[in-house]
Protein backbone atom coordinates (compact mmCIF):
# COMPACT_ATOMS: atom_id res chain seq x y z
CA MET A 1 250.99 -9.14 -93.28
CA SER A 2 249.23 -8.09 -90.07
CA ASN A 3 247.26 -10.65 -88.07
CA LYS A 4 245.50 -7.94 -86.11
CA LEU A 5 241.71 -8.02 -86.02
CA LYS A 6 240.32 -5.03 -87.92
CA VAL A 7 237.39 -3.37 -86.12
CA LEU A 8 235.13 -0.69 -87.60
CA ILE A 9 233.17 1.32 -85.00
CA VAL A 10 230.28 3.43 -86.30
CA ASP A 11 228.96 6.55 -84.57
CA HIS A 12 227.04 9.59 -85.82
CA ALA A 13 226.59 12.01 -82.90
CA PRO A 14 227.05 15.70 -83.77
CA ILE A 15 228.43 16.53 -80.31
CA PHE A 16 230.46 14.73 -77.65
CA GLY A 17 228.29 12.61 -75.35
CA GLY A 18 228.32 9.35 -73.43
CA VAL A 19 228.90 7.11 -76.45
CA GLU A 20 231.77 9.28 -77.62
CA ALA A 21 233.29 9.23 -74.13
CA MET A 22 233.09 5.43 -74.18
CA ILE A 23 234.78 5.28 -77.60
CA THR A 24 237.52 7.68 -76.48
CA ASP A 25 238.25 5.54 -73.41
CA LEU A 26 238.16 2.40 -75.56
CA ILE A 27 240.68 3.81 -78.03
CA GLY A 28 243.12 4.34 -75.18
CA ALA A 29 242.54 0.97 -73.52
CA MET A 30 242.26 -1.51 -76.40
CA ASP A 31 245.08 -3.97 -77.11
CA ARG A 32 246.89 -2.47 -80.11
CA GLU A 33 248.93 -5.67 -80.49
CA LYS A 34 245.76 -7.58 -81.37
CA PHE A 35 243.36 -5.00 -82.85
CA THR A 36 243.32 -2.10 -85.28
CA LEU A 37 240.45 0.37 -85.15
CA THR A 38 238.75 2.50 -87.79
CA MET A 39 236.02 4.99 -86.92
CA ALA A 40 233.12 5.92 -89.21
CA THR A 41 231.03 8.94 -88.30
CA ASP A 42 228.69 11.49 -89.86
CA THR A 43 230.08 14.31 -91.98
CA ALA A 44 228.15 16.74 -89.76
CA SER A 45 229.74 15.48 -86.54
CA ARG A 46 232.00 17.91 -84.69
CA VAL A 47 233.49 15.14 -82.55
CA GLU A 48 237.21 14.48 -82.97
CA PHE A 49 238.73 11.07 -82.25
CA ARG A 50 242.50 10.92 -81.78
CA ASP A 51 244.97 8.14 -82.59
CA VAL A 52 242.57 6.39 -84.95
CA ASP A 53 241.66 6.47 -88.65
CA VAL A 54 238.35 8.35 -89.04
CA ARG A 55 236.11 8.12 -92.11
CA ARG A 56 233.29 10.65 -92.47
CA LEU A 57 230.20 9.99 -94.57
CA PRO A 58 226.60 11.26 -94.66
CA MET A 59 224.41 9.50 -92.10
CA PRO A 60 220.95 11.08 -92.39
CA ARG A 61 217.94 10.21 -90.27
CA VAL A 62 216.58 6.90 -91.49
CA ARG A 63 213.46 6.36 -89.38
CA GLU A 64 210.55 5.70 -91.74
CA ASN A 65 212.84 6.42 -94.71
CA LEU A 66 213.92 3.16 -96.29
CA ALA A 67 215.68 4.82 -99.22
CA ALA A 68 217.86 6.92 -96.91
CA MET A 69 218.74 3.86 -94.84
CA ILE A 70 219.77 1.85 -97.90
CA THR A 71 221.81 4.69 -99.42
CA ALA A 72 223.67 5.32 -96.17
CA GLY A 73 224.16 1.58 -95.71
CA LEU A 74 225.76 1.26 -99.14
CA ARG A 75 228.16 4.09 -98.31
CA LEU A 76 229.09 2.45 -95.02
CA ALA A 77 229.56 -0.91 -96.76
CA ALA A 78 232.15 0.74 -99.01
CA VAL A 79 233.97 2.03 -95.92
CA ALA A 80 233.88 -1.45 -94.35
CA ARG A 81 235.33 -3.01 -97.50
CA HIS A 82 238.07 -0.38 -97.75
CA ALA A 83 238.98 -0.92 -94.10
CA GLN A 84 238.83 -4.71 -94.62
CA ALA A 85 236.77 -4.83 -91.45
CA ASP A 86 236.67 -8.19 -89.68
CA VAL A 87 233.87 -6.91 -87.45
CA MET A 88 231.69 -3.80 -87.40
CA MET A 89 230.18 -2.37 -84.19
CA THR A 90 227.42 0.25 -84.32
CA THR A 91 226.72 2.48 -81.33
CA THR A 92 223.53 4.53 -81.93
CA ALA A 93 219.99 3.81 -83.11
CA ARG A 94 220.66 5.46 -86.45
CA THR A 95 223.86 3.53 -87.05
CA HIS A 96 222.28 0.21 -86.01
CA ALA A 97 219.88 0.51 -88.96
CA ILE A 98 222.51 1.78 -91.40
CA GLY A 99 224.98 -0.82 -90.16
CA ALA A 100 222.51 -3.64 -90.76
CA VAL A 101 222.36 -2.73 -94.45
CA ALA A 102 226.15 -2.31 -94.60
CA ALA A 103 226.73 -5.69 -92.98
CA ARG A 104 224.46 -7.46 -95.45
CA VAL A 105 226.21 -5.81 -98.41
CA SER A 106 229.82 -6.00 -97.21
CA GLY A 107 229.69 -9.29 -95.34
CA ALA A 108 231.33 -7.76 -92.26
CA PRO A 109 229.94 -9.41 -89.09
CA LEU A 110 227.85 -6.88 -87.16
CA VAL A 111 227.64 -6.12 -83.43
CA TRP A 112 225.00 -3.75 -82.09
CA ARG A 113 225.92 -1.90 -78.89
CA LEU A 114 222.70 -0.60 -77.32
CA ALA A 115 223.45 2.27 -74.93
CA ASP A 116 219.95 3.77 -74.72
CA ASP A 117 216.30 3.04 -75.49
CA THR A 118 215.93 5.13 -78.67
CA PHE A 119 216.07 2.29 -81.22
CA PRO A 120 212.42 1.68 -82.27
CA LEU A 121 211.54 -1.88 -81.28
CA PRO A 122 209.65 -2.70 -84.51
CA LEU A 123 212.67 -1.69 -86.60
CA ALA A 124 215.05 -3.46 -84.23
CA ALA A 125 212.98 -6.64 -84.44
CA THR A 126 212.89 -6.47 -88.24
CA LEU A 127 216.67 -6.17 -88.46
CA SER A 128 217.58 -8.38 -85.49
CA SER A 129 218.61 -11.38 -87.60
CA ILE A 130 221.56 -9.41 -89.00
CA PRO A 131 223.77 -8.64 -85.96
CA LYS A 132 225.76 -11.61 -84.70
CA ARG A 133 225.77 -10.24 -81.17
CA ILE A 134 223.92 -7.50 -79.27
CA ILE A 135 225.73 -5.75 -76.43
CA THR A 136 223.73 -3.73 -73.91
CA VAL A 137 225.16 -1.44 -71.24
CA SER A 138 222.77 -2.63 -68.52
CA SER A 139 220.25 -5.33 -67.73
CA PHE A 140 217.61 -2.59 -67.82
CA ILE A 141 218.38 -1.90 -71.50
CA ALA A 142 218.63 -5.63 -72.23
CA GLY A 143 215.14 -6.21 -70.87
CA ARG A 144 213.60 -3.14 -72.41
CA CYS A 145 215.26 -2.87 -75.81
CA SER A 146 217.02 -5.99 -77.02
CA PRO A 147 214.95 -7.75 -79.69
CA SER A 148 216.94 -10.98 -79.38
CA PRO A 149 217.78 -12.10 -75.81
CA ALA A 150 219.68 -15.16 -77.06
CA LYS A 151 222.22 -12.91 -78.81
CA THR A 152 222.47 -10.39 -75.99
CA ILE A 153 225.37 -9.88 -73.61
CA ILE A 154 225.60 -7.14 -70.96
CA ILE A 155 228.86 -5.20 -70.90
CA PRO A 156 228.63 -1.90 -69.02
CA ASP A 157 230.91 1.01 -69.75
CA GLY A 158 234.33 0.84 -68.17
CA LEU A 159 235.85 4.09 -66.93
CA PRO A 160 239.43 5.09 -66.15
CA ASP A 161 240.35 5.70 -62.54
CA THR A 162 241.72 9.21 -62.99
CA GLN A 163 243.12 11.47 -60.30
CA PRO A 164 242.43 15.18 -59.67
CA GLN A 165 244.77 17.51 -61.54
CA THR A 166 244.06 20.71 -59.62
CA LYS A 167 242.82 21.32 -56.10
CA LEU A 168 239.57 23.27 -56.39
CA THR A 169 237.69 24.99 -53.60
CA LEU A 170 233.98 25.74 -54.04
CA ASN A 171 233.88 28.30 -51.17
CA THR A 172 230.32 27.86 -49.89
CA GLY A 173 230.56 27.34 -46.13
CA LYS A 174 228.12 24.43 -46.50
CA PRO A 175 228.32 20.82 -47.70
CA VAL A 176 228.44 20.88 -51.51
CA ALA A 177 226.05 18.80 -53.61
CA VAL A 178 226.98 18.62 -57.28
CA MET A 179 224.88 17.62 -60.29
CA ILE A 180 226.62 16.92 -63.60
CA ALA A 181 224.22 16.85 -66.55
CA ARG A 182 223.53 18.88 -69.66
CA LEU A 183 220.70 21.39 -69.29
CA VAL A 184 217.71 19.37 -70.47
CA ARG A 185 214.56 19.13 -68.39
CA TRP A 186 214.39 15.37 -67.97
CA LYS A 187 217.72 15.38 -66.16
CA GLY A 188 215.84 16.76 -63.13
CA HIS A 189 217.67 20.01 -62.43
CA ALA A 190 214.51 21.53 -60.95
CA VAL A 191 214.21 18.65 -58.47
CA PHE A 192 217.85 19.20 -57.53
CA ALA A 193 217.45 22.97 -57.10
CA ARG A 194 214.45 22.59 -54.80
CA ALA A 195 215.99 19.77 -52.76
CA VAL A 196 219.31 21.47 -52.01
CA LYS A 197 217.46 24.59 -50.91
CA LEU A 198 215.21 22.55 -48.63
CA ALA A 199 218.20 20.68 -47.16
CA ASN A 200 220.25 23.87 -46.74
CA VAL A 201 223.25 22.57 -48.67
CA ALA A 202 225.13 24.31 -51.48
CA GLY A 203 224.15 23.29 -55.00
CA VAL A 204 226.51 23.23 -57.98
CA ILE A 205 225.42 22.38 -61.53
CA VAL A 206 227.95 21.35 -64.17
CA GLY A 207 226.73 21.01 -67.76
CA GLY A 208 226.24 22.93 -70.95
CA GLU A 209 223.09 24.01 -72.73
CA ASP A 210 221.73 21.35 -75.06
CA GLU A 211 221.03 22.44 -78.64
CA SER A 212 218.24 19.86 -78.93
CA GLU A 213 216.22 21.86 -76.39
CA GLY A 214 215.76 24.68 -78.88
CA GLU A 215 217.07 28.22 -78.96
CA LEU A 216 215.77 29.16 -75.52
CA GLY A 217 215.72 25.68 -73.98
CA GLY A 218 218.95 25.65 -71.98
CA LYS A 219 218.92 29.39 -71.23
CA GLY A 220 215.27 29.27 -70.20
CA LEU A 221 215.86 26.32 -67.90
CA LYS A 222 218.84 28.07 -66.31
CA ALA A 223 216.69 31.13 -65.58
CA GLU A 224 213.97 28.96 -64.05
CA LEU A 225 216.49 27.21 -61.82
CA ALA A 226 217.96 30.50 -60.65
CA ALA A 227 214.44 31.62 -59.72
CA LEU A 228 213.89 28.41 -57.74
CA ASN A 229 217.19 28.71 -55.89
CA GLY A 230 219.22 31.88 -56.26
CA GLU A 231 222.26 30.32 -54.56
CA ILE A 232 222.82 27.64 -57.22
CA GLN A 233 226.27 27.88 -58.85
CA PHE A 234 226.31 27.20 -62.61
CA LEU A 235 229.76 26.13 -63.81
CA GLY A 236 228.77 25.36 -67.41
CA GLN A 237 230.42 22.70 -69.55
CA ARG A 238 233.73 21.70 -67.94
CA SER A 239 236.61 19.40 -68.79
CA ASP A 240 237.84 19.21 -65.17
CA VAL A 241 234.93 17.10 -63.88
CA ARG A 242 237.24 14.94 -61.76
CA ASP A 243 238.57 18.04 -59.97
CA ILE A 244 235.04 19.31 -59.34
CA LEU A 245 234.01 15.94 -57.90
CA ALA A 246 237.01 16.03 -55.57
CA ALA A 247 235.81 19.40 -54.27
CA SER A 248 232.25 18.13 -53.68
CA ASP A 249 230.68 16.34 -50.73
CA ILE A 250 227.72 14.61 -52.43
CA PHE A 251 226.84 13.73 -56.02
CA ILE A 252 223.20 13.94 -57.12
CA HIS A 253 221.56 12.14 -60.02
CA ALA A 254 217.99 13.45 -60.33
CA SER A 255 216.76 12.26 -63.75
CA THR A 256 213.00 12.06 -64.11
CA ARG A 257 213.22 9.42 -66.86
CA PRO A 258 214.81 5.98 -66.62
CA GLU A 259 218.60 6.14 -66.96
CA PRO A 260 220.02 3.61 -69.48
CA PHE A 261 223.33 3.40 -67.59
CA GLY A 262 224.76 6.63 -66.19
CA ARG A 263 228.51 7.03 -66.76
CA VAL A 264 228.56 10.02 -64.44
CA LEU A 265 227.38 7.80 -61.58
CA VAL A 266 230.50 5.69 -62.03
CA GLN A 267 232.67 8.81 -62.31
CA ALA A 268 231.39 10.01 -58.94
CA MET A 269 231.82 6.58 -57.36
CA LEU A 270 235.40 6.30 -58.61
CA ALA A 271 236.07 9.73 -57.12
CA GLY A 272 234.88 8.48 -53.74
CA VAL A 273 231.94 10.90 -53.66
CA PRO A 274 228.74 9.49 -52.10
CA VAL A 275 225.92 9.13 -54.63
CA ILE A 276 222.22 9.86 -54.26
CA ALA A 277 220.28 8.79 -57.35
CA SER A 278 216.74 8.57 -58.68
CA ARG A 279 215.50 4.99 -58.60
CA ALA A 280 214.77 4.66 -62.31
CA GLY A 281 216.26 2.59 -65.10
CA ALA A 282 219.74 1.22 -64.48
CA THR A 283 220.66 3.34 -61.45
CA ALA A 284 219.97 0.54 -58.97
CA GLU A 285 222.25 -1.91 -60.77
CA VAL A 286 225.02 0.69 -61.06
CA VAL A 287 224.86 2.08 -57.51
CA GLY A 288 223.67 -1.02 -55.67
CA ASN A 289 223.91 -0.65 -51.90
CA ALA A 290 226.89 1.70 -52.21
CA GLY A 291 224.70 4.81 -52.43
CA LEU A 292 221.21 6.07 -51.68
CA LEU A 293 218.28 5.69 -54.07
CA VAL A 294 215.23 7.95 -53.86
CA PRO A 295 211.90 7.95 -55.71
CA THR A 296 212.01 9.76 -59.03
CA GLY A 297 210.99 13.41 -58.77
CA ASP A 298 210.56 13.31 -54.97
CA VAL A 299 212.02 16.61 -53.73
CA GLU A 300 211.39 15.87 -50.05
CA ALA A 301 213.02 12.42 -50.20
CA LEU A 302 216.07 13.85 -51.95
CA ALA A 303 216.32 16.67 -49.41
CA GLU A 304 216.15 14.19 -46.54
CA ALA A 305 218.89 12.04 -48.11
CA LEU A 306 221.05 15.15 -48.53
CA LYS A 307 221.09 15.58 -44.75
CA MET A 308 223.38 12.56 -44.27
CA ASP A 309 226.19 13.19 -41.79
CA ALA A 310 229.91 13.23 -42.54
CA VAL A 311 230.43 9.67 -41.28
CA THR A 312 227.75 8.33 -43.64
CA ARG A 313 229.17 10.36 -46.52
CA ALA A 314 232.62 8.89 -45.92
CA ARG A 315 231.29 5.33 -45.74
CA LEU A 316 229.21 5.59 -48.91
CA GLY A 317 232.07 7.28 -50.74
CA ARG A 318 234.41 4.44 -49.81
CA GLU A 319 231.89 1.71 -50.67
CA GLY A 320 231.00 3.40 -53.95
CA ARG A 321 234.62 3.54 -55.04
CA GLU A 322 235.13 -0.13 -54.17
CA ARG A 323 232.06 -1.09 -56.18
CA ALA A 324 233.10 0.99 -59.20
CA LEU A 325 236.60 -0.51 -59.26
CA ALA A 326 235.18 -4.03 -58.99
CA ARG A 327 232.43 -3.69 -61.61
CA PHE A 328 233.32 -0.90 -64.04
CA GLU A 329 237.10 -1.01 -64.45
CA LEU A 330 238.07 0.14 -67.94
CA GLY A 331 240.62 -2.58 -68.69
CA ALA A 332 238.31 -5.42 -67.67
CA MET A 333 235.36 -4.08 -69.67
CA THR A 334 237.60 -3.53 -72.71
CA ARG A 335 238.85 -7.13 -72.58
CA ARG A 336 235.25 -8.37 -72.50
CA LEU A 337 234.38 -6.22 -75.51
CA GLU A 338 237.46 -7.44 -77.38
CA GLN A 339 236.42 -11.03 -76.69
CA VAL A 340 233.03 -10.38 -78.31
CA TRP A 341 234.79 -9.01 -81.41
CA GLN A 342 236.97 -12.12 -81.58
CA ASP A 343 234.03 -14.47 -81.11
CA VAL A 344 231.97 -12.75 -83.81
CA ALA A 345 234.92 -12.73 -86.22
CA GLY A 346 235.55 -16.41 -85.54
CA VAL A 347 239.04 -15.89 -84.16
């Protein structure tokens, strides 16, 4: 008989995003001598998780639809029972609600992991007595979204310290500023395009078109950006982000809305690339003094920051990497998460 703690993680995203990246890293870093993991996700999800048992079940939108929430919760409760889950961790607003029902029915202790600010506070407050612990990825999210501070613990994402696989050259003849974000307007691509033109540096955008923007959303935004700055390079969705960072001189985060955490900030810092970020949401607590923060949406301030010399770039790159290794190391964050599972399960 196995003494391993059985953990059920619940996700629903149709495409691979930040939560799914976190789960993928977690699967590779968790202690398999102490834990077994089962994934539950929506039948419509196209995300594949390797080296783990995956159960797919319908997870419809539940906001303002109590019947849908209960039905989905009963299905998830059956999965939890079948997996003999010692603890269940939900990872999205939709699954927090469904998971609350499932936890009540199955008896599996529940952990909410809040990675953004999309969980409606009235619903969160109504259900907040059910989770045993609430994990948030930043103090910004804890202060803005957690309905129960006494239950809340902050555990940011941990990221692996990967190395470049291929030496890329972005032949521009100028310092290269890179922005890595899917093509949605609030990510601030227009601010980036204007600022790199004003600063006379090369601009590279990595990121695919987002289906949630509508049929012409991503394509329309790309056309607008090309009109703003005809020298912008669009590399699309890429799997070799670490290689692209290694070929870049500066990383830009230009979101015009508060950032809940910002995994890509940590990716850039680990790569030793100096970071310039919008001062909104959790960016200040992620970057600290190891990068430059500029007012949200301020093209001139971003352009001025982009003019930093090579010595400053090298210093900020070095300090950013040191900060990322000290605060966002994958193994350390995984051990903290595992400890929460053990505490909630009473082990």
